[in-house]
C-alpha atoms as a PDB file:
ATOM      1  CA  MET A   1      19.757  -2.627   0.443  1.00  0.00           C
ATOM      2  CA  LYS A   2      17.578  -5.080   2.333  1.00  0.00           C
ATOM      3  CA  ILE A   3      13.892  -4.208   2.506  1.00  0.00           C
ATOM      4  CA  ASP A   4      10.551  -5.907   3.097  1.00  0.00           C
ATOM      5  CA  ILE A   5       7.789  -4.294   1.038  1.00  0.00           C
ATOM      6  CA  ILE A   6       4.295  -4.783   2.429  1.00  0.00           C
ATOM      7  CA  GLY A   7       1.072  -4.729   0.451  1.00  0.00           C
ATOM      8  CA  ASP A   8      -2.110  -2.765   0.992  1.00  0.00           C
ATOM      9  CA  ILE A   9      -2.803  -2.817   4.744  1.00  0.00           C
ATOM     10  CA  HIS A  10      -6.203  -1.066   4.689  1.00  0.00           C
ATOM     11  CA  GLY A  11      -6.378  -0.712   8.453  1.00  0.00           C
ATOM     12  CA  CYS A  12      -5.447  -4.332   9.215  1.00  0.00           C
ATOM     13  CA  PHE A  13      -3.078  -3.379  12.026  1.00  0.00           C
ATOM     14  CA  ASP A  14      -3.076  -6.746  13.815  1.00  0.00           C
ATOM     15  CA  GLU A  15      -2.021  -8.467  10.594  1.00  0.00           C
ATOM     16  CA  LEU A  16       0.771  -5.889  10.196  1.00  0.00           C
ATOM     17  CA  VAL A  17       2.095  -6.780  13.642  1.00  0.00           C
ATOM     18  CA  HIS A  18       1.877 -10.497  12.859  1.00  0.00           C
ATOM     19  CA  LEU A  19       3.608 -10.125   9.486  1.00  0.00           C
ATOM     20  CA  THR A  20       6.471  -7.992  10.764  1.00  0.00           C
ATOM     21  CA  GLU A  21       7.065 -10.447  13.599  1.00  0.00           C
ATOM     22  CA  LYS A  22       7.156 -13.297  11.087  1.00  0.00           C
ATOM     23  CA  LEU A  23       9.697 -11.274   9.076  1.00  0.00           C
ATOM     24  CA  GLY A  24      11.919 -11.069  12.153  1.00  0.00           C
ATOM     25  CA  TYR A  25      11.117  -7.545  13.343  1.00  0.00           C
ATOM     26  CA  LYS A  26      11.006  -6.833  17.093  1.00  0.00           C
ATOM     27  CA  TRP A  27       8.438  -4.498  18.662  1.00  0.00           C
ATOM     28  CA  ASP A  28      10.529  -3.650  21.729  1.00  0.00           C
ATOM     29  CA  LYS A  29      10.132   0.141  21.298  1.00  0.00           C
ATOM     30  CA  ASN A  30       6.553   0.126  19.970  1.00  0.00           C
ATOM     31  CA  LEU A  31       7.927   0.047  16.437  1.00  0.00           C
ATOM     32  CA  PRO A  32       8.907  -2.957  14.291  1.00  0.00           C
ATOM     33  CA  ILE A  33      12.707  -2.817  14.129  1.00  0.00           C
ATOM     34  CA  HIS A  34      14.782  -5.549  12.500  1.00  0.00           C
ATOM     35  CA  PRO A  35      17.926  -6.695  14.350  1.00  0.00           C
ATOM     36  CA  ASP A  36      19.809  -6.926  11.041  1.00  0.00           C
ATOM     37  CA  GLY A  37      18.893  -3.406   9.966  1.00  0.00           C
ATOM     38  CA  ARG A  38      16.322  -4.357   7.323  1.00  0.00           C
ATOM     39  CA  LEU A  39      13.913  -1.614   6.302  1.00  0.00           C
ATOM     40  CA  LEU A  40      10.197  -1.687   5.565  1.00  0.00           C
ATOM     41  CA  GLY A  41       8.399  -0.444   2.460  1.00  0.00           C
ATOM     42  CA  PHE A  42       4.709   0.324   2.051  1.00  0.00           C
ATOM     43  CA  VAL A  43       2.909   0.429  -1.300  1.00  0.00           C
ATOM     44  CA  GLY A  44       0.123   2.689  -0.042  1.00  0.00           C
ATOM     45  CA  ASP A  45      -3.528   2.266   0.918  1.00  0.00           C
ATOM     46  CA  LEU A  46      -2.710   2.233   4.611  1.00  0.00           C
ATOM     47  CA  THR A  47      -6.286   3.010   5.628  1.00  0.00           C
ATOM     48  CA  ASP A  48      -9.989   2.387   4.890  1.00  0.00           C
ATOM     49  CA  ARG A  49     -12.230  -0.663   5.251  1.00  0.00           C
ATOM     50  CA  GLY A  50     -10.209  -2.290   8.046  1.00  0.00           C
ATOM     51  CA  PRO A  51     -10.708  -1.758  11.787  1.00  0.00           C
ATOM     52  CA  LYS A  52      -7.534   0.101  12.853  1.00  0.00           C
ATOM     53  CA  SER A  53      -6.580   2.625  10.186  1.00  0.00           C
ATOM     54  CA  LEU A  54      -5.363   5.251  12.650  1.00  0.00           C
ATOM     55  CA  GLN A  55      -2.975   2.825  14.322  1.00  0.00           C
ATOM     56  CA  VAL A  56      -1.534   1.996  10.900  1.00  0.00           C
ATOM     57  CA  ILE A  57      -1.025   5.720  10.187  1.00  0.00           C
ATOM     58  CA  HIS A  58       0.716   6.125  13.542  1.00  0.00           C
ATOM     59  CA  ILE A  59       3.144   3.248  12.989  1.00  0.00           C
ATOM     60  CA  VAL A  60       4.018   4.062   9.374  1.00  0.00           C
ATOM     61  CA  TYR A  61       4.490   7.744  10.193  1.00  0.00           C
ATOM     62  CA  HIS A  62       6.878   7.031  13.063  1.00  0.00           C
ATOM     63  CA  LEU A  63       8.797   4.423  11.050  1.00  0.00           C
ATOM     64  CA  TRP A  64       9.187   6.999   8.297  1.00  0.00           C
ATOM     65  CA  LYS A  65      10.292   9.706  10.744  1.00  0.00           C
ATOM     66  CA  GLU A  66      12.953   7.334  12.110  1.00  0.00           C
ATOM     67  CA  ASN A  67      14.181   6.555   8.554  1.00  0.00           C
ATOM     68  CA  LEU A  68      13.111   2.938   9.015  1.00  0.00           C
ATOM     69  CA  ALA A  69      10.576   2.813   6.176  1.00  0.00           C
ATOM     70  CA  TYR A  70       9.683   4.006   2.695  1.00  0.00           C
ATOM     71  CA  TYR A  71       6.096   4.913   1.850  1.00  0.00           C
ATOM     72  CA  SER A  72       4.428   5.562  -1.477  1.00  0.00           C
ATOM     73  CA  PRO A  73       0.798   6.742  -1.512  1.00  0.00           C
ATOM     74  CA  GLY A  74      -2.108   4.786  -2.944  1.00  0.00           C
ATOM     75  CA  ASN A  75      -5.454   5.963  -4.278  1.00  0.00           C
ATOM     76  CA  HIS A  76      -7.072   5.595  -0.840  1.00  0.00           C
ATOM     77  CA  CYS A  77      -4.242   7.660   0.644  1.00  0.00           C
ATOM     78  CA  ASN A  78      -4.842  10.324  -1.985  1.00  0.00           C
ATOM     79  CA  LYS A  79      -8.549  10.448  -1.139  1.00  0.00           C
ATOM     80  CA  LEU A  80      -7.886  10.684   2.612  1.00  0.00           C
ATOM     81  CA  TYR A  81      -5.402  13.487   1.934  1.00  0.00           C
ATOM     82  CA  ARG A  82      -8.017  15.388  -0.046  1.00  0.00           C
ATOM     83  CA  TYR A  83     -10.501  14.801   2.789  1.00  0.00           C
ATOM     84  CA  PHE A  84      -8.015  16.273   5.282  1.00  0.00           C
ATOM     85  CA  LEU A  85      -7.526  19.257   2.964  1.00  0.00           C
ATOM     86  CA  GLY A  86     -11.246  19.926   3.263  1.00  0.00           C
ATOM     87  CA  ASN A  87     -11.987  19.059  -0.351  1.00  0.00           C
ATOM     88  CA  LYS A  88     -15.379  17.674  -1.232  1.00  0.00           C
ATOM     89  CA  VAL A  89     -14.889  13.909  -1.430  1.00  0.00           C
ATOM     90  CA  VAL A  90     -17.489  11.166  -1.336  1.00  0.00           C
ATOM     91  CA  ILE A  91     -17.094   9.280   1.935  1.00  0.00           C
ATOM     92  CA  THR A  92     -17.573   5.774   0.551  1.00  0.00           C
ATOM     93  CA  HIS A  93     -15.476   2.792  -0.605  1.00  0.00           C
ATOM     94  CA  GLY A  94     -13.928   2.416   2.843  1.00  0.00           C
ATOM     95  CA  LEU A  95     -13.185   6.042   3.691  1.00  0.00           C
ATOM     96  CA  GLU A  96     -16.253   5.990   5.940  1.00  0.00           C
ATOM     97  CA  THR A  97     -14.492   3.592   8.344  1.00  0.00           C
ATOM     98  CA  THR A  98     -11.474   5.873   8.709  1.00  0.00           C
ATOM     99  CA  VAL A  99     -13.716   8.924   9.145  1.00  0.00           C
ATOM    100  CA  ALA A 100     -15.696   7.060  11.820  1.00  0.00           C
ATOM    101  CA  GLU A 101     -12.476   6.347  13.723  1.00  0.00           C
ATOM    102  CA  LEU A 102     -11.551  10.022  13.527  1.00  0.00           C
ATOM    103  CA  GLU A 103     -14.980  11.245  14.589  1.00  0.00           C
ATOM    104  CA  ALA A 104     -14.847   9.048  17.699  1.00  0.00           C
ATOM    105  CA  LEU A 105     -11.873  11.116  18.919  1.00  0.00           C
ATOM    106  CA  PRO A 106     -11.698  14.566  20.508  1.00  0.00           C
ATOM    107  CA  GLN A 107     -10.714  17.350  18.106  1.00  0.00           C
ATOM    108  CA  ASN A 108      -7.112  17.616  19.293  1.00  0.00           C
ATOM    109  CA  LYS A 109      -6.482  13.943  18.538  1.00  0.00           C
ATOM    110  CA  ARG A 110      -8.169  14.234  15.140  1.00  0.00           C
ATOM    111  CA  ASP A 111      -5.855  17.125  14.379  1.00  0.00           C
ATOM    112  CA  HIS A 112      -2.884  15.033  15.504  1.00  0.00           C
ATOM    113  CA  TYR A 113      -3.651  12.233  13.035  1.00  0.00           C
ATOM    114  CA  ARG A 114      -4.365  14.774  10.318  1.00  0.00           C
ATOM    115  CA  GLN A 115      -0.963  16.405  10.876  1.00  0.00           C
ATOM    116  CA  MET A 116       0.868  13.053  10.861  1.00  0.00           C
ATOM    117  CA  PHE A 117      -0.777  11.786   7.708  1.00  0.00           C
ATOM    118  CA  MET A 118      -0.451  15.037   5.767  1.00  0.00           C
ATOM    119  CA  GLU A 119       3.234  15.348   6.664  1.00  0.00           C
ATOM    120  CA  LEU A 120       3.848  11.739   5.586  1.00  0.00           C
ATOM    121  CA  TYR A 121       1.938  12.238   2.332  1.00  0.00           C
ATOM    122  CA  ASP A 122       3.437  15.640   1.478  1.00  0.00           C
ATOM    123  CA  SER A 123       6.993  14.437   2.130  1.00  0.00           C
ATOM    124  CA  SER A 124       6.777  11.156   0.189  1.00  0.00           C
ATOM    125  CA  PRO A 125       7.260  10.809  -3.567  1.00  0.00           C
ATOM    126  CA  LEU A 126       4.616   9.403  -5.891  1.00  0.00           C
ATOM    127  CA  TYR A 127       6.852   6.324  -6.208  1.00  0.00           C
ATOM    128  CA  HIS A 128      10.279   5.353  -4.917  1.00  0.00           C
ATOM    129  CA  ILE A 129      13.316   4.577  -7.061  1.00  0.00           C
ATOM    130  CA  LEU A 130      15.688   2.647  -4.807  1.00  0.00           C
ATOM    131  CA  ASP A 131      18.930   0.665  -4.936  1.00  0.00           C
ATOM    132  CA  ASN A 132      20.399   2.603  -7.870  1.00  0.00           C
ATOM    133  CA  GLY A 133      17.248   2.112  -9.901  1.00  0.00           C
ATOM    134  CA  ASN A 134      17.032  -1.630  -9.375  1.00  0.00           C
ATOM    135  CA  LEU A 135      13.885  -1.391  -7.228  1.00  0.00           C
ATOM    136  CA  ILE A 136      10.712   0.653  -7.677  1.00  0.00           C
ATOM    137  CA  ILE A 137       7.868   0.892  -5.152  1.00  0.00           C
ATOM    138  CA  ALA A 138       4.705   2.202  -6.820  1.00  0.00           C
ATOM    139  CA  HIS A 139       1.155   1.687  -5.578  1.00  0.00           C
ATOM    140  CA  ALA A 140      -0.465   0.284  -8.728  1.00  0.00           C
ATOM    141  CA  GLY A 141       2.732  -0.142 -10.721  1.00  0.00           C
ATOM    142  CA  ILE A 142       4.445   1.899 -13.392  1.00  0.00           C
ATOM    143  CA  ARG A 143       5.477   1.398 -17.015  1.00  0.00           C
ATOM    144  CA  GLU A 144       9.182   1.103 -17.749  1.00  0.00           C
ATOM    145  CA  LYS A 145       9.062   4.152 -20.034  1.00  0.00           C
ATOM    146  CA  ASP A 146       7.520   6.263 -17.265  1.00  0.00           C
ATOM    147  CA  ILE A 147      10.120   5.626 -14.548  1.00  0.00           C
ATOM    148  CA  GLY A 148      11.534   9.032 -13.630  1.00  0.00           C
ATOM    149  CA  LYS A 149       8.481  10.908 -14.934  1.00  0.00           C
ATOM    150  CA  TYR A 150       5.833  12.604 -12.789  1.00  0.00           C
ATOM    151  CA  THR A 151       3.147  13.840 -15.205  1.00  0.00           C
ATOM    152  CA  GLU A 152      -0.568  13.717 -14.414  1.00  0.00           C
ATOM    153  CA  LYS A 153      -0.896  10.703 -16.705  1.00  0.00           C
ATOM    154  CA  VAL A 154       1.866   8.873 -14.823  1.00  0.00           C
ATOM    155  CA  LYS A 155       0.265   9.844 -11.495  1.00  0.00           C
ATOM    156  CA  SER A 156      -3.057   8.379 -12.631  1.00  0.00           C
ATOM    157  CA  PHE A 157      -1.360   5.119 -13.639  1.00  0.00           C
ATOM    158  CA  VAL A 158       0.612   4.848 -10.386  1.00  0.00           C
ATOM    159  CA  LEU A 159      -2.467   5.487  -8.220  1.00  0.00           C
ATOM    160  CA  TYR A 160      -5.164   3.646 -10.188  1.00  0.00           C
ATOM    161  CA  GLY A 161      -3.406   1.225 -12.537  1.00  0.00           C
ATOM    162  CA  ASP A 162      -3.829   0.796 -16.279  1.00  0.00           C
ATOM    163  CA  ILE A 163      -7.568   1.417 -16.297  1.00  0.00           C
ATOM    164  CA  THR A 164      -9.684   1.509 -19.449  1.00  0.00           C
ATOM    165  CA  GLY A 165     -12.583   3.516 -18.048  1.00  0.00           C
ATOM    166  CA  GLU A 166     -14.869   0.516 -18.372  1.00  0.00           C
ATOM    167  CA  LYS A 167     -16.277  -1.630 -15.583  1.00  0.00           C
ATOM    168  CA  HIS A 168     -16.889  -5.337 -15.132  1.00  0.00           C
ATOM    169  CA  ALA A 169     -20.378  -6.634 -14.368  1.00  0.00           C
ATOM    170  CA  ASN A 170     -19.514  -6.639 -10.637  1.00  0.00           C
ATOM    171  CA  GLY A 171     -18.629  -2.933 -10.784  1.00  0.00           C
ATOM    172  CA  MET A 172     -14.864  -3.383 -10.579  1.00  0.00           C
ATOM    173  CA  PRO A 173     -12.863  -1.280 -13.053  1.00  0.00           C
ATOM    174  CA  VAL A 174     -11.365  -2.995 -16.060  1.00  0.00           C
ATOM    175  CA  ARG A 175      -7.579  -2.916 -15.656  1.00  0.00           C
ATOM    176  CA  ARG A 176      -5.088  -3.971 -18.290  1.00  0.00           C
ATOM    177  CA  ASP A 177      -2.388  -6.397 -17.182  1.00  0.00           C
ATOM    178  CA  TRP A 178       0.554  -4.024 -17.571  1.00  0.00           C
ATOM    179  CA  ALA A 179       2.884  -6.410 -15.695  1.00  0.00           C
ATOM    180  CA  LYS A 180       2.473  -9.054 -18.404  1.00  0.00           C
ATOM    181  CA  HIS A 181       4.058  -6.684 -20.895  1.00  0.00           C
ATOM    182  CA  TYR A 182       6.787  -5.287 -18.631  1.00  0.00           C
ATOM    183  CA  GLU A 183      10.299  -5.919 -19.981  1.00  0.00           C
ATOM    184  CA  GLY A 184      12.420  -3.804 -17.649  1.00  0.00           C
ATOM    185  CA  GLU A 185      15.299  -4.921 -15.443  1.00  0.00           C
ATOM    186  CA  SER A 186      14.181  -2.942 -12.388  1.00  0.00           C
ATOM    187  CA  TRP A 187      11.991  -4.831  -9.931  1.00  0.00           C
ATOM    188  CA  ILE A 188       8.615  -3.111  -9.541  1.00  0.00           C
ATOM    189  CA  VAL A 189       6.762  -3.941  -6.333  1.00  0.00           C
ATOM    190  CA  TYR A 190       3.157  -2.783  -6.244  1.00  0.00           C
ATOM    191  CA  GLY A 191      -0.322  -3.557  -4.938  1.00  0.00           C
ATOM    192  CA  HIS A 192      -3.786  -2.084  -5.600  1.00  0.00           C
ATOM    193  CA  THR A 193      -5.322  -5.127  -7.299  1.00  0.00           C
ATOM    194  CA  PRO A 194      -6.129  -7.930  -4.819  1.00  0.00           C
ATOM    195  CA  VAL A 195      -4.834 -11.369  -5.801  1.00  0.00           C
ATOM    196  CA  LYS A 196      -4.898 -14.623  -3.832  1.00  0.00           C
ATOM    197  CA  GLU A 197      -1.105 -14.860  -3.474  1.00  0.00           C
ATOM    198  CA  VAL A 198       1.845 -12.638  -4.315  1.00  0.00           C
ATOM    199  CA  ARG A 199       1.910 -12.491  -8.116  1.00  0.00           C
ATOM    200  CA  ILE A 200       5.361 -12.413  -9.664  1.00  0.00           C
ATOM    201  CA  VAL A 201       5.423 -11.713 -13.402  1.00  0.00           C
ATOM    202  CA  HIS A 202       8.706 -10.812 -15.109  1.00  0.00           C
ATOM    203  CA  HIS A 203      10.390  -8.321 -12.744  1.00  0.00           C
ATOM    204  CA  THR A 204       7.160  -7.289 -11.011  1.00  0.00           C
ATOM    205  CA  ALA A 205       5.549  -8.402  -7.751  1.00  0.00           C
ATOM    206  CA  ASN A 206       1.960  -7.629  -6.740  1.00  0.00           C
ATOM    207  CA  VAL A 207       1.880  -7.748  -2.937  1.00  0.00           C
ATOM    208  CA  ASP A 208      -1.801  -6.875  -2.436  1.00  0.00           C
ATOM    209  CA  THR A 209      -3.165 -10.235  -1.302  1.00  0.00           C
ATOM    210  CA  GLY A 210      -6.436  -8.825  -0.003  1.00  0.00           C
ATOM    211  CA  ALA A 211      -5.850  -8.600   3.739  1.00  0.00           C
ATOM    212  CA  VAL A 212      -8.962  -6.488   4.233  1.00  0.00           C
ATOM    213  CA  PHE A 213     -11.016  -8.941   2.152  1.00  0.00           C
ATOM    214  CA  GLY A 214     -10.084 -11.999   4.183  1.00  0.00           C
ATOM    215  CA  GLY A 215      -7.018 -13.017   2.183  1.00  0.00           C
ATOM    216  CA  HIS A 216      -3.494 -12.427   3.482  1.00  0.00           C
ATOM    217  CA  LEU A 217      -1.158  -9.562   4.283  1.00  0.00           C
ATOM    218  CA  SER A 218       2.037 -10.097   2.341  1.00  0.00           C
ATOM    219  CA  ALA A 219       5.557  -8.777   1.965  1.00  0.00           C
ATOM    220  CA  PHE A 220       8.099  -9.104  -0.828  1.00  0.00           C
ATOM    221  CA  ARG A 221      11.650  -9.431   0.474  1.00  0.00           C
ATOM    222  CA  TYR A 222      14.370  -7.700  -1.525  1.00  0.00           C
ATOM    223  CA  PRO A 223      17.000  -8.645  -2.639  1.00  0.00           C
ATOM    224  CA  GLU A 224      15.960 -12.206  -1.755  1.00  0.00           C
ATOM    225  CA  LEU A 225      12.937 -11.935  -4.107  1.00  0.00           C
ATOM    226  CA  THR A 226      10.791 -14.094  -1.851  1.00  0.00           C
ATOM    227  CA  ALA A 227       7.281 -13.595  -0.457  1.00  0.00           C
ATOM    228  CA  VAL A 228       6.081 -13.937   3.133  1.00  0.00           C
ATOM    229  CA  SER A 229       2.387 -13.856   4.105  1.00  0.00           C
ATOM    230  CA  VAL A 230       0.124 -14.103   7.142  1.00  0.00           C
ATOM    231  CA  PRO A 231      -3.610 -14.906   7.077  1.00  0.00           C
ATOM    232  CA  SER A 232      -6.192 -12.206   7.578  1.00  0.00           C
ATOM    233  CA  SER A 233      -8.697 -12.147  10.437  1.00  0.00           C
ATOM    234  CA  MET A 234     -11.242 -10.401   8.223  1.00  0.00           C
ATOM    235  CA  PRO A 235     -14.179 -12.250   6.594  1.00  0.00           C
ATOM    236  CA  LEU A 236     -13.525 -13.560   3.100  1.00  0.00           C
ATOM    237  CA  VAL A 237     -15.027 -11.507   0.260  1.00  0.00           C
ATOM    238  CA  GLU A 238     -14.315 -13.779  -2.679  1.00  0.00           C
ATOM    239  CA  GLU A 239     -15.510 -11.444  -5.431  1.00  0.00           C
ATOM    240  CA  LYS A 240     -12.901  -8.802  -4.557  1.00  0.00           C
ATOM    241  CA  PHE A 241      -9.998 -10.932  -5.776  1.00  0.00           C
ATOM    242  CA  ARG A 242      -8.781 -10.632  -9.343  1.00  0.00           C
ATOM    243  CA  GLU A 243      -8.271 -14.037 -10.899  1.00  0.00           C
ATOM    244  CA  THR A 244      -7.843 -12.893 -14.471  1.00  0.00           C
ATOM    245  CA  PHE A 245      -6.604  -9.723 -16.119  1.00  0.00           C
ATOM    246  CA  ASP A 246      -7.541  -8.005 -19.339  1.00  0.00           C
END
């Protein structure tokens, strides 16, 4: 299979358009479609913090409906889903921007986005196992021993990473560098932890290059195993990037 897996978009719709065009996709029918039949993959965190979260939901949903894309949810997706369910969630850490977009719309349009997102979320697996097991798309990654498992512990790892429960002085959670210890043959493409450029370690690729923090929006091309990026239009927030891992 030939697929371009895009990192955490976080409402950066304009960057998504730019990146897909750079990857060779054409927007002739209001969707990015590749003339050679390549597919798109999304590692989650479609929304929050950026300016156009609802447009990102719209595009990813319709790509998915047309069997042109794979989507795996991220922790921000999980929180938005719980918000749409009516659960009590704290509207912070970026969710407030998505909620503000929704609240600016009439109720019927809010309901429309709610229906699209919940259908996309409900119908998508926690992580994708593709190309006969040679490729995994998982929001924050997955351990080799957990591939094929869907326990609550695995769900926590896939959505939030290998967290210790501790926090750095800047408030960011301490995350172990699981990729450094990965020894599997399957390629795992993930995001969640912003880095300055696509980070390839063993058979893993972190494609979250901090688009919403002024970095880049990036894709990992499979089976070529190459990275393509476009610059972000958002202001740079230097402290959000992870330079070192624990």
